[in-house]
Amino acid sequence: MVRIVFSDIDGTLLTDDKRVTAKTEQAVKGLVQRDIPFVLVSARMPEAIYPITDKMGVKIPLISYSGALVLTEEGQELYSLTMKAEHTAAFLEAVEAHFPQATVNYYAGHHWYVRDAYDPRVVLEMKITEAVAEERPFADCLQAGVLPHKILLMMEPADCERAERELQALFPALNVVRSAPHLLEIMDASVNKASGIEVMLRHFGLEADESLSFGDNYNDLEMLRYTGTSVAMGNAPQPVKEAAGAVTSSNEEDGIYVYLSAHHLIA
């Protein structure tokens, strides 16, 4: 029996133009009304998730930074794991030396630090997520003991592909993974969506086999394999569909609503 639902955001909850459809919103509210927690699981920072939940008019728990920061619906911290200071410093140095063309984003808790808030890539990300970047030298962050939950690199797809390969080889203690052709996410190697879900299940006193997850991409694989019931979106690549227990319609076709409705989890 499903007693909690986890969902990725981009490509899953949201359409390609970053909207929640009326039926998807109806599905989320239907679960909440039935006291079935609906938990968003994303590489996004909390401030890039709250605008979505605010528009839906719901207060729900969050698994942010792909599991590095887990928050209750009231914003209480259940779990927090930042990158180590020495790994962060060495990584930033390597990026500066080998990928000076990258736009570097330093995410620490509820703050998003950048070198230049007017960088076109940063401006676009602010527009997409509605979060606000703050200018601050990364050396200052490190000196003040403000460590990142996540570093995000933005660059051209070919550079991103090479950076993923080369930086992962250089830093085995970190998880270096592309979340889009032009985006590279970096976190502590122990962080993944399944580890965040484990924390949330413990908080609610539930077991993995009582959980259901929706995802659409490779960084959702651990989550899909961990939950008792797993559903890939119709827009997911074939290997992700094969890893999931079921496939629903795409994010453009109310995939979450379609599955929950067909399985009588919502009215």
Protein backbone atom coordinates (compact mmCIF):
# COMPACT_ATOMS: atom_id res chain seq x y z
CA MET A 1 0.00 0.00 0.00
CA VAL A 2 1.38 3.44 -0.99
CA ARG A 3 1.56 5.78 2.02
CA ILE A 4 4.01 8.41 0.70
CA VAL A 5 4.84 9.76 -2.78
CA PHE A 6 8.17 11.22 -3.95
CA SER A 7 8.57 13.19 -7.16
CA ASP A 8 11.38 14.77 -9.14
CA ILE A 9 10.64 18.33 -10.36
CA ASP A 10 12.14 19.19 -13.76
CA GLY A 11 10.79 16.94 -16.50
CA THR A 12 8.46 15.22 -14.01
CA LEU A 13 6.28 17.59 -11.96
CA LEU A 14 6.92 20.49 -14.36
CA THR A 15 6.18 20.73 -18.07
CA ASP A 16 9.03 21.66 -20.40
CA ASP A 17 8.14 25.35 -20.02
CA LYS A 18 8.35 24.99 -16.21
CA ARG A 19 4.60 24.93 -15.37
CA VAL A 20 2.53 22.66 -13.15
CA THR A 21 -0.55 21.64 -15.12
CA ALA A 22 -4.02 21.95 -13.53
CA LYS A 23 -4.36 18.15 -13.36
CA THR A 24 -0.93 17.67 -11.79
CA GLU A 25 -1.81 20.28 -9.16
CA GLN A 26 -5.11 18.47 -8.59
CA ALA A 27 -3.19 15.21 -8.07
CA VAL A 28 -0.83 16.77 -5.52
CA LYS A 29 -3.71 18.32 -3.57
CA GLY A 30 -5.63 15.03 -3.77
CA LEU A 31 -2.77 13.19 -2.04
CA VAL A 32 -2.37 15.90 0.62
CA GLN A 33 -6.12 15.76 1.35
CA ARG A 34 -5.81 12.01 1.88
CA ASP A 35 -2.88 12.54 4.31
CA ILE A 36 -0.47 10.88 1.88
CA PRO A 37 2.68 13.05 2.02
CA PHE A 38 3.85 14.34 -1.37
CA VAL A 39 7.59 15.09 -1.24
CA LEU A 40 9.55 16.92 -3.94
CA VAL A 41 13.04 15.53 -4.58
CA SER A 42 15.34 17.74 -6.61
CA ALA A 43 18.86 19.01 -7.21
CA ARG A 44 17.33 22.50 -6.80
CA MET A 45 17.89 24.65 -3.72
CA PRO A 46 14.86 25.16 -1.42
CA GLU A 47 14.35 28.73 -2.70
CA ALA A 48 14.00 27.35 -6.23
CA ILE A 49 11.30 24.91 -5.04
CA TYR A 50 9.17 27.15 -2.80
CA PRO A 51 7.84 29.27 -5.70
CA ILE A 52 6.40 26.06 -7.19
CA THR A 53 4.72 24.90 -3.97
CA ASP A 54 3.49 28.44 -3.24
CA LYS A 55 1.79 28.62 -6.64
CA MET A 56 0.11 25.27 -5.96
CA GLY A 57 -0.94 26.49 -2.51
CA VAL A 58 0.61 23.57 -0.63
CA LYS A 59 3.17 23.23 2.18
CA ILE A 60 5.05 19.98 1.71
CA PRO A 61 8.37 18.40 2.76
CA LEU A 62 11.40 18.81 0.47
CA ILE A 63 14.49 16.82 -0.41
CA SER A 64 16.83 19.45 -1.83
CA TYR A 65 20.28 19.26 -3.47
CA SER A 66 19.49 15.65 -4.50
CA GLY A 67 19.46 14.50 -0.87
CA ALA A 68 22.10 16.76 0.74
CA LEU A 69 19.44 18.85 2.53
CA VAL A 70 16.17 17.37 3.81
CA LEU A 71 13.46 19.69 5.20
CA THR A 72 10.04 19.18 6.80
CA GLU A 73 7.01 21.04 5.45
CA GLU A 74 7.72 23.71 8.08
CA GLY A 75 11.32 24.08 6.86
CA GLN A 76 12.88 22.24 9.82
CA GLU A 77 16.19 20.57 8.91
CA LEU A 78 16.10 16.78 9.12
CA TYR A 79 19.47 16.22 7.44
CA SER A 80 22.29 18.33 6.03
CA LEU A 81 25.52 17.21 4.38
CA THR A 82 27.90 19.73 2.82
CA MET A 83 31.03 19.12 0.79
CA LYS A 84 34.25 19.04 2.84
CA ALA A 85 36.34 22.25 2.89
CA GLU A 86 39.45 20.62 1.39
CA HIS A 87 37.46 18.99 -1.44
CA THR A 88 35.66 22.27 -2.17
CA ALA A 89 38.87 24.32 -2.33
CA ALA A 90 40.69 21.79 -4.52
CA PHE A 91 37.68 21.41 -6.83
CA LEU A 92 37.28 25.17 -7.35
CA GLU A 93 41.02 25.41 -8.08
CA ALA A 94 40.79 22.61 -10.67
CA VAL A 95 37.81 24.26 -12.39
CA GLU A 96 39.64 27.59 -12.53
CA ALA A 97 42.69 25.88 -14.07
CA HIS A 98 40.99 23.54 -16.54
CA PHE A 99 37.53 25.03 -17.22
CA PRO A 100 37.83 28.82 -16.89
CA GLN A 101 34.89 29.15 -19.32
CA ALA A 102 32.50 27.64 -16.72
CA THR A 103 30.04 29.73 -14.73
CA VAL A 104 30.45 28.50 -11.14
CA ASN A 105 27.51 28.50 -8.70
CA TYR A 106 28.07 27.84 -4.99
CA TYR A 107 24.94 26.68 -3.12
CA ALA A 108 25.03 26.67 0.68
CA GLY A 109 21.74 26.00 2.45
CA HIS A 110 19.35 28.80 1.55
CA HIS A 111 22.01 30.86 -0.28
CA TRP A 112 23.19 30.82 -3.89
CA TYR A 113 26.56 32.53 -4.34
CA VAL A 114 28.06 33.56 -7.69
CA ARG A 115 30.98 35.70 -8.84
CA ASP A 116 28.80 37.80 -11.16
CA ALA A 117 25.03 38.10 -10.73
CA TYR A 118 24.80 39.65 -14.21
CA ASP A 119 26.38 36.64 -15.95
CA PRO A 120 23.76 35.73 -18.65
CA ARG A 121 23.70 32.09 -17.49
CA VAL A 122 23.00 33.18 -13.90
CA VAL A 123 20.33 35.62 -15.05
CA LEU A 124 18.60 32.83 -17.01
CA GLU A 125 18.75 30.46 -14.03
CA MET A 126 17.21 33.16 -11.79
CA LYS A 127 14.41 33.58 -14.31
CA ILE A 128 13.76 29.82 -14.50
CA THR A 129 13.90 29.10 -10.76
CA GLU A 130 12.82 32.45 -9.26
CA ALA A 131 15.69 32.07 -6.76
CA VAL A 132 18.05 35.05 -6.30
CA ALA A 133 21.83 34.78 -6.68
CA GLU A 134 24.12 36.73 -4.35
CA GLU A 135 27.60 37.96 -5.31
CA ARG A 136 30.24 36.70 -2.90
CA PRO A 137 33.84 35.50 -3.42
CA PHE A 138 33.98 31.74 -2.87
CA ALA A 139 37.22 32.17 -0.86
CA ASP A 140 35.21 34.29 1.61
CA CYS A 141 32.65 31.50 1.96
CA LEU A 142 35.38 28.95 2.69
CA GLN A 143 37.13 31.26 5.15
CA ALA A 144 33.84 31.82 6.99
CA GLY A 145 33.17 28.07 7.13
CA VAL A 146 30.18 28.37 4.77
CA LEU A 147 30.47 25.07 2.91
CA PRO A 148 28.44 24.13 -0.19
CA HIS A 149 25.70 21.54 -0.34
CA LYS A 150 26.24 21.73 -4.09
CA ILE A 151 28.42 23.35 -6.73
CA LEU A 152 26.84 23.81 -10.16
CA LEU A 153 28.88 24.41 -13.31
CA MET A 154 27.27 25.90 -16.40
CA MET A 155 29.02 25.62 -19.77
CA GLU A 156 28.60 24.48 -23.35
CA PRO A 157 27.46 20.83 -23.71
CA ALA A 158 30.76 19.57 -25.18
CA ASP A 159 32.73 21.22 -22.36
CA CYS A 160 30.25 19.89 -19.82
CA GLU A 161 30.67 16.34 -21.07
CA ARG A 162 34.48 16.59 -20.87
CA ALA A 163 34.33 18.23 -17.43
CA GLU A 164 32.11 15.47 -16.07
CA ARG A 165 34.59 12.82 -17.19
CA GLU A 166 37.78 14.62 -16.13
CA LEU A 167 36.61 16.11 -12.83
CA GLN A 168 34.98 12.87 -11.66
CA ALA A 169 38.29 11.07 -12.26
CA LEU A 170 40.15 13.76 -10.29
CA PHE A 171 37.69 13.82 -7.37
CA PRO A 172 36.42 10.33 -6.40
CA ALA A 173 35.13 11.73 -3.06
CA LEU A 174 32.63 13.86 -5.01
CA ASN A 175 29.65 12.99 -7.17
CA VAL A 176 30.04 14.82 -10.51
CA VAL A 177 27.00 14.36 -12.76
CA ARG A 178 25.26 16.19 -15.60
CA SER A 179 21.63 17.09 -14.91
CA ALA A 180 21.24 18.71 -18.35
CA PRO A 181 23.54 18.94 -21.39
CA HIS A 182 24.91 22.29 -20.13
CA LEU A 183 24.70 21.72 -16.33
CA LEU A 184 27.12 19.81 -14.10
CA GLU A 185 26.10 19.13 -10.48
CA ILE A 186 28.75 18.42 -7.83
CA MET A 187 28.02 17.10 -4.33
CA ASP A 188 29.57 14.81 -1.72
CA ALA A 189 29.79 11.27 -3.15
CA SER A 190 27.52 9.85 -0.44
CA VAL A 191 24.61 12.06 -1.55
CA ASN A 192 21.85 10.75 -3.77
CA LYS A 193 18.07 10.96 -3.93
CA ALA A 194 17.64 7.54 -2.28
CA SER A 195 19.65 8.59 0.78
CA GLY A 196 17.40 11.66 1.14
CA ILE A 197 14.29 9.49 0.82
CA GLU A 198 15.61 7.18 3.55
CA VAL A 199 15.81 10.20 5.92
CA MET A 200 12.25 11.27 5.03
CA LEU A 201 10.84 7.76 5.48
CA ARG A 202 12.43 7.55 8.93
CA HIS A 203 10.84 10.93 9.79
CA PHE A 204 7.37 9.62 8.87
CA GLY A 205 7.94 6.15 10.36
CA LEU A 206 7.41 4.48 6.99
CA GLU A 207 9.20 1.74 5.04
CA ALA A 208 10.60 1.87 1.50
CA ASP A 209 7.96 -0.62 0.28
CA GLU A 210 5.22 1.86 1.31
CA SER A 211 6.66 4.55 -0.99
CA LEU A 212 6.14 5.50 -4.63
CA SER A 213 8.45 7.66 -6.76
CA PHE A 214 8.17 9.49 -10.10
CA GLY A 215 11.27 10.39 -12.13
CA ASP A 216 12.43 11.13 -15.65
CA ASN A 217 16.22 11.12 -15.77
CA TYR A 218 19.45 9.33 -14.88
CA ASN A 219 19.86 11.19 -11.56
CA ASP A 220 16.50 9.63 -10.54
CA LEU A 221 17.73 6.04 -10.92
CA GLU A 222 18.72 5.52 -7.25
CA MET A 223 15.33 6.87 -6.18
CA LEU A 224 13.39 4.69 -8.63
CA ARG A 225 15.31 1.58 -7.55
CA TYR A 226 14.87 2.35 -3.82
CA THR A 227 11.13 2.99 -3.49
CA GLY A 228 8.65 0.10 -3.35
CA THR A 229 6.77 1.41 -6.39
CA SER A 230 8.56 3.36 -9.12
CA VAL A 231 7.18 5.17 -12.14
CA ALA A 232 9.14 6.63 -15.06
CA MET A 233 7.66 9.49 -17.05
CA GLY A 234 6.84 8.93 -20.72
CA ASN A 235 9.57 11.46 -21.62
CA ALA A 236 12.26 9.49 -19.75
CA PRO A 237 15.12 7.85 -21.71
CA GLN A 238 14.75 4.10 -22.27
CA PRO A 239 17.23 2.95 -19.56
CA VAL A 240 15.28 4.96 -16.95
CA LYS A 241 12.00 3.43 -18.14
CA GLU A 242 13.55 -0.03 -17.86
CA ALA A 243 14.71 0.65 -14.28
CA ALA A 244 11.21 1.67 -13.16
CA GLY A 245 8.36 -0.66 -12.30
CA ALA A 246 5.91 1.25 -14.52
CA VAL A 247 5.79 4.00 -17.14
CA THR A 248 3.17 6.76 -17.23
CA SER A 249 2.48 9.52 -19.76
CA SER A 250 4.93 12.37 -20.22
CA ASN A 251 5.35 15.52 -18.13
CA GLU A 252 3.46 17.34 -20.92
CA GLU A 253 0.53 14.91 -20.62
CA ASP A 254 -0.22 14.98 -16.87
CA GLY A 255 1.84 11.82 -16.21
CA ILE A 256 1.64 12.06 -12.40
CA TYR A 257 -2.15 12.59 -12.44
CA VAL A 258 -2.68 9.79 -14.98
CA TYR A 259 -0.84 7.22 -12.85
CA LEU A 260 -2.29 8.24 -9.46
CA SER A 261 -5.81 8.39 -10.88
CA ALA A 262 -5.55 5.01 -12.63
CA HIS A 263 -4.30 3.39 -9.39
CA HIS A 264 -7.03 5.04 -7.26
CA LEU A 265 -4.55 6.96 -5.10
CA ILE A 266 -6.56 10.13 -5.74
CA ALA A 267 -10.28 10.59 -6.32
